[in-house]
């Protein structure tokens, strides 16, 4: 679902950024999550994933999501095999957000697929997809901005902020995120 045109919706004066249908759907989703999922104990990942699927998310059967995580609009959220969304993660999916197989989004991280056109007098909302590659790790309280692709196996360190694409198998940290080193996996015996 695309944002409304800020010129006609009056967004700069407090008007809506999305249609009434979208806002109603999100309200129903939020109530459902609060009543049926937010308070559930950590092992009930399958139950929470089933609720997300019911509301339109593409969630792999082996994925895990914690009850304190928040998904803004389930149809725009995809979670791969063995992927994990940790406690207090915000999935602000105004546009598609995909978390690849075996990827981890740690506690308190924020994936934000929306921003505003700061040069538009109406402050038009812009939405761009986020893609987190397989085996990537978004560490605690990190931020991934609109339109960012986190390459396969990349790491965004704790409290790091990614506003540009992150190369595969590379470790990043800081604000804005800078390359720190290559990531080389050891094979366990």
Protein backbone atom coordinates (compact mmCIF):
# COMPACT_ATOMS: atom_id res chain seq x y z
CA UNK A 1 0.00 0.00 0.00
CA UNK A 2 1.45 3.34 -1.08
CA UNK A 3 1.41 6.51 1.05
CA UNK A 4 -1.19 9.12 0.14
CA UNK A 5 -0.15 12.23 -1.78
CA UNK A 6 0.72 14.75 0.94
CA UNK A 7 -0.58 17.63 -1.19
CA UNK A 8 -4.13 16.26 -1.26
CA UNK A 9 -4.22 14.50 2.13
CA UNK A 10 -3.04 17.52 4.10
CA UNK A 11 -0.26 15.52 5.78
CA UNK A 12 1.68 18.71 6.60
CA UNK A 13 -1.32 19.89 8.61
CA UNK A 14 -1.75 16.58 10.44
CA UNK A 15 -3.74 14.73 7.77
CA UNK A 16 -3.30 11.00 7.19
CA UNK A 17 -0.38 9.48 5.31
CA UNK A 18 -2.28 6.27 4.49
CA UNK A 19 -5.82 5.37 3.45
CA UNK A 20 -8.59 4.73 5.95
CA UNK A 21 -8.58 1.05 4.93
CA UNK A 22 -4.88 0.76 5.70
CA UNK A 23 -5.22 2.51 9.05
CA UNK A 24 -8.19 0.31 10.01
CA UNK A 25 -6.28 -2.85 9.07
CA UNK A 26 -3.28 -1.75 11.14
CA UNK A 27 -5.52 -0.93 14.12
CA UNK A 28 -7.08 -4.41 13.96
CA UNK A 29 -3.60 -5.93 13.66
CA UNK A 30 -2.27 -3.96 16.64
CA UNK A 31 -5.20 -4.99 18.85
CA UNK A 32 -4.76 -8.64 17.82
CA UNK A 33 -1.01 -8.60 18.57
CA UNK A 34 -1.50 -6.94 21.97
CA UNK A 35 -4.26 -9.34 23.02
CA UNK A 36 -2.91 -12.59 21.57
CA UNK A 37 0.87 -12.31 21.22
CA UNK A 38 2.69 -9.48 23.01
CA UNK A 39 2.42 -11.11 26.43
CA UNK A 40 3.20 -14.69 25.36
CA UNK A 41 6.30 -16.47 26.72
CA UNK A 42 9.37 -16.66 24.45
CA UNK A 43 8.97 -20.34 23.40
CA UNK A 44 5.65 -19.62 21.61
CA UNK A 45 7.30 -18.51 18.37
CA UNK A 46 5.07 -20.73 16.22
CA UNK A 47 1.92 -19.11 17.63
CA UNK A 48 3.20 -15.59 16.95
CA UNK A 49 4.34 -16.58 13.45
CA UNK A 50 0.89 -18.06 12.77
CA UNK A 51 -0.74 -14.74 13.74
CA UNK A 52 1.59 -12.87 11.40
CA UNK A 53 0.75 -15.29 8.57
CA UNK A 54 -2.97 -14.82 9.28
CA UNK A 55 -2.48 -11.07 8.70
CA UNK A 56 -0.53 -11.56 5.46
CA UNK A 57 3.15 -11.98 6.37
CA UNK A 58 5.30 -14.51 4.54
CA UNK A 59 6.86 -16.30 7.52
CA UNK A 60 8.87 -19.52 7.23
CA UNK A 61 7.77 -22.35 9.55
CA UNK A 62 11.18 -22.37 11.29
CA UNK A 63 11.33 -18.58 11.88
CA UNK A 64 11.18 -17.04 15.36
CA UNK A 65 9.76 -13.74 16.56
CA UNK A 66 9.44 -12.48 20.12
CA UNK A 67 6.23 -11.09 21.60
CA UNK A 68 7.69 -7.67 22.37
CA UNK A 69 8.63 -7.14 18.69
CA UNK A 70 6.38 -4.78 16.73
CA UNK A 71 5.43 -5.27 13.08
CA UNK A 72 3.74 -2.19 11.60
CA UNK A 73 1.98 -3.78 8.57
CA UNK A 74 2.24 -7.60 8.29
CA UNK A 75 1.67 -7.92 4.50
CA UNK A 76 4.95 -6.04 3.97
CA UNK A 77 7.00 -8.37 6.20
CA UNK A 78 8.86 -11.53 5.13
CA UNK A 79 10.89 -13.73 7.49
CA UNK A 80 13.07 -16.58 6.16
CA UNK A 81 13.96 -20.05 7.42
CA UNK A 82 15.61 -20.05 10.87
CA UNK A 83 15.57 -16.24 10.91
CA UNK A 84 15.02 -14.56 14.27
CA UNK A 85 13.50 -11.21 15.27
CA UNK A 86 14.45 -10.54 18.88
CA UNK A 87 12.75 -8.74 21.76
CA UNK A 88 11.69 -5.10 21.31
CA UNK A 89 12.57 -5.02 17.60
CA UNK A 90 10.60 -2.51 15.52
CA UNK A 91 9.72 -3.60 11.98
CA UNK A 92 8.39 -0.33 10.53
CA UNK A 93 7.36 -1.83 7.19
CA UNK A 94 5.66 0.90 5.19
CA UNK A 95 7.30 -0.92 2.28
CA UNK A 96 8.57 -4.52 2.09
CA UNK A 97 11.04 -5.62 4.74
CA UNK A 98 12.62 -9.02 4.12
CA UNK A 99 14.80 -10.85 6.66
CA UNK A 100 16.67 -13.69 4.95
CA UNK A 101 17.34 -17.26 6.04
CA UNK A 102 19.38 -17.65 9.24
CA UNK A 103 19.52 -13.85 9.70
CA UNK A 104 19.21 -12.36 13.18
CA UNK A 105 17.73 -9.01 14.16
CA UNK A 106 18.72 -8.52 17.81
CA UNK A 107 16.95 -6.84 20.69
CA UNK A 108 15.90 -3.24 20.29
CA UNK A 109 16.91 -2.97 16.63
CA UNK A 110 14.84 -0.75 14.33
CA UNK A 111 14.19 -1.52 10.65
CA UNK A 112 12.58 1.62 9.20
CA UNK A 113 11.32 1.54 5.58
CA UNK A 114 9.91 5.08 5.63
CA UNK A 115 11.21 8.63 5.55
CA UNK A 116 10.07 12.04 4.31
CA UNK A 117 11.06 14.28 1.43
CA UNK A 118 12.67 17.11 3.39
CA UNK A 119 12.67 19.40 0.35
CA UNK A 120 8.92 19.04 -0.24
CA UNK A 121 6.86 21.74 1.48
CA UNK A 122 4.18 19.08 2.11
CA UNK A 123 6.79 16.75 3.71
CA UNK A 124 5.77 13.82 1.46
CA UNK A 125 6.20 10.38 3.04
CA UNK A 126 8.52 8.11 1.06
CA UNK A 127 8.73 4.34 1.49
CA UNK A 128 11.57 2.12 0.24
CA UNK A 129 12.13 -1.61 0.85
CA UNK A 130 14.75 -3.09 3.18
CA UNK A 131 16.45 -6.41 2.53
CA UNK A 132 18.47 -8.25 5.19
CA UNK A 133 20.49 -11.00 3.50
CA UNK A 134 20.86 -14.59 4.65
CA UNK A 135 23.12 -15.10 7.68
CA UNK A 136 23.34 -11.36 8.33
CA UNK A 137 23.19 -10.00 11.87
CA UNK A 138 21.64 -6.70 12.89
CA UNK A 139 23.00 -6.32 16.44
CA UNK A 140 21.33 -4.80 19.51
CA UNK A 141 19.69 -1.39 19.04
CA UNK A 142 21.03 -0.95 15.50
CA UNK A 143 19.09 1.07 12.90
CA UNK A 144 18.58 0.17 9.24
CA UNK A 145 17.09 2.93 7.10
CA UNK A 146 14.84 2.97 4.03
CA UNK A 147 16.12 1.36 0.86
CA UNK A 148 19.08 -0.39 2.51
CA UNK A 149 20.24 -3.84 1.47
CA UNK A 150 22.31 -5.66 4.10
CA UNK A 151 24.40 -8.15 2.18
CA UNK A 152 24.57 -11.87 2.89
CA UNK A 153 26.55 -12.51 6.09
CA UNK A 154 27.06 -8.81 6.86
CA UNK A 155 27.06 -7.58 10.46
CA UNK A 156 25.81 -4.20 11.67
CA UNK A 157 27.27 -3.76 15.15
CA UNK A 158 25.35 -2.71 18.26
CA UNK A 159 23.79 0.76 17.89
CA UNK A 160 25.18 1.09 14.38
CA UNK A 161 23.14 3.04 11.80
CA UNK A 162 22.98 1.89 8.17
CA UNK A 163 21.78 4.45 5.63
CA UNK A 164 23.55 2.82 2.65
CA UNK A 165 23.88 -0.77 1.48
CA UNK A 166 26.21 -3.03 3.49
CA UNK A 167 28.55 -5.33 1.56
CA UNK A 168 28.28 -9.10 2.05
CA UNK A 169 30.47 -10.75 4.71
CA UNK A 170 31.62 -7.41 6.12
CA UNK A 171 31.38 -6.05 9.68
CA UNK A 172 30.13 -2.48 10.13
CA UNK A 173 29.78 -0.20 13.15
CA UNK A 174 29.08 3.39 14.07
CA UNK A 175 26.79 6.17 12.90
CA UNK A 176 26.82 6.26 9.97
CA UNK A 177 27.98 2.67 9.65
CA UNK A 178 31.59 2.27 8.48
CA UNK A 179 33.40 -0.88 7.36
CA UNK A 180 35.43 -2.35 10.20
CA UNK A 181 36.65 -5.67 8.81
CA UNK A 182 35.75 -8.73 6.77
CA UNK A 183 33.67 -11.45 8.37
CA UNK A 184 35.16 -14.91 7.94
CA UNK A 185 33.21 -17.85 9.36
CA UNK A 186 35.04 -20.64 11.12
CA UNK A 187 33.74 -24.12 10.48
CA UNK A 188 32.74 -25.82 13.73
CA UNK A 189 34.23 -29.28 14.31
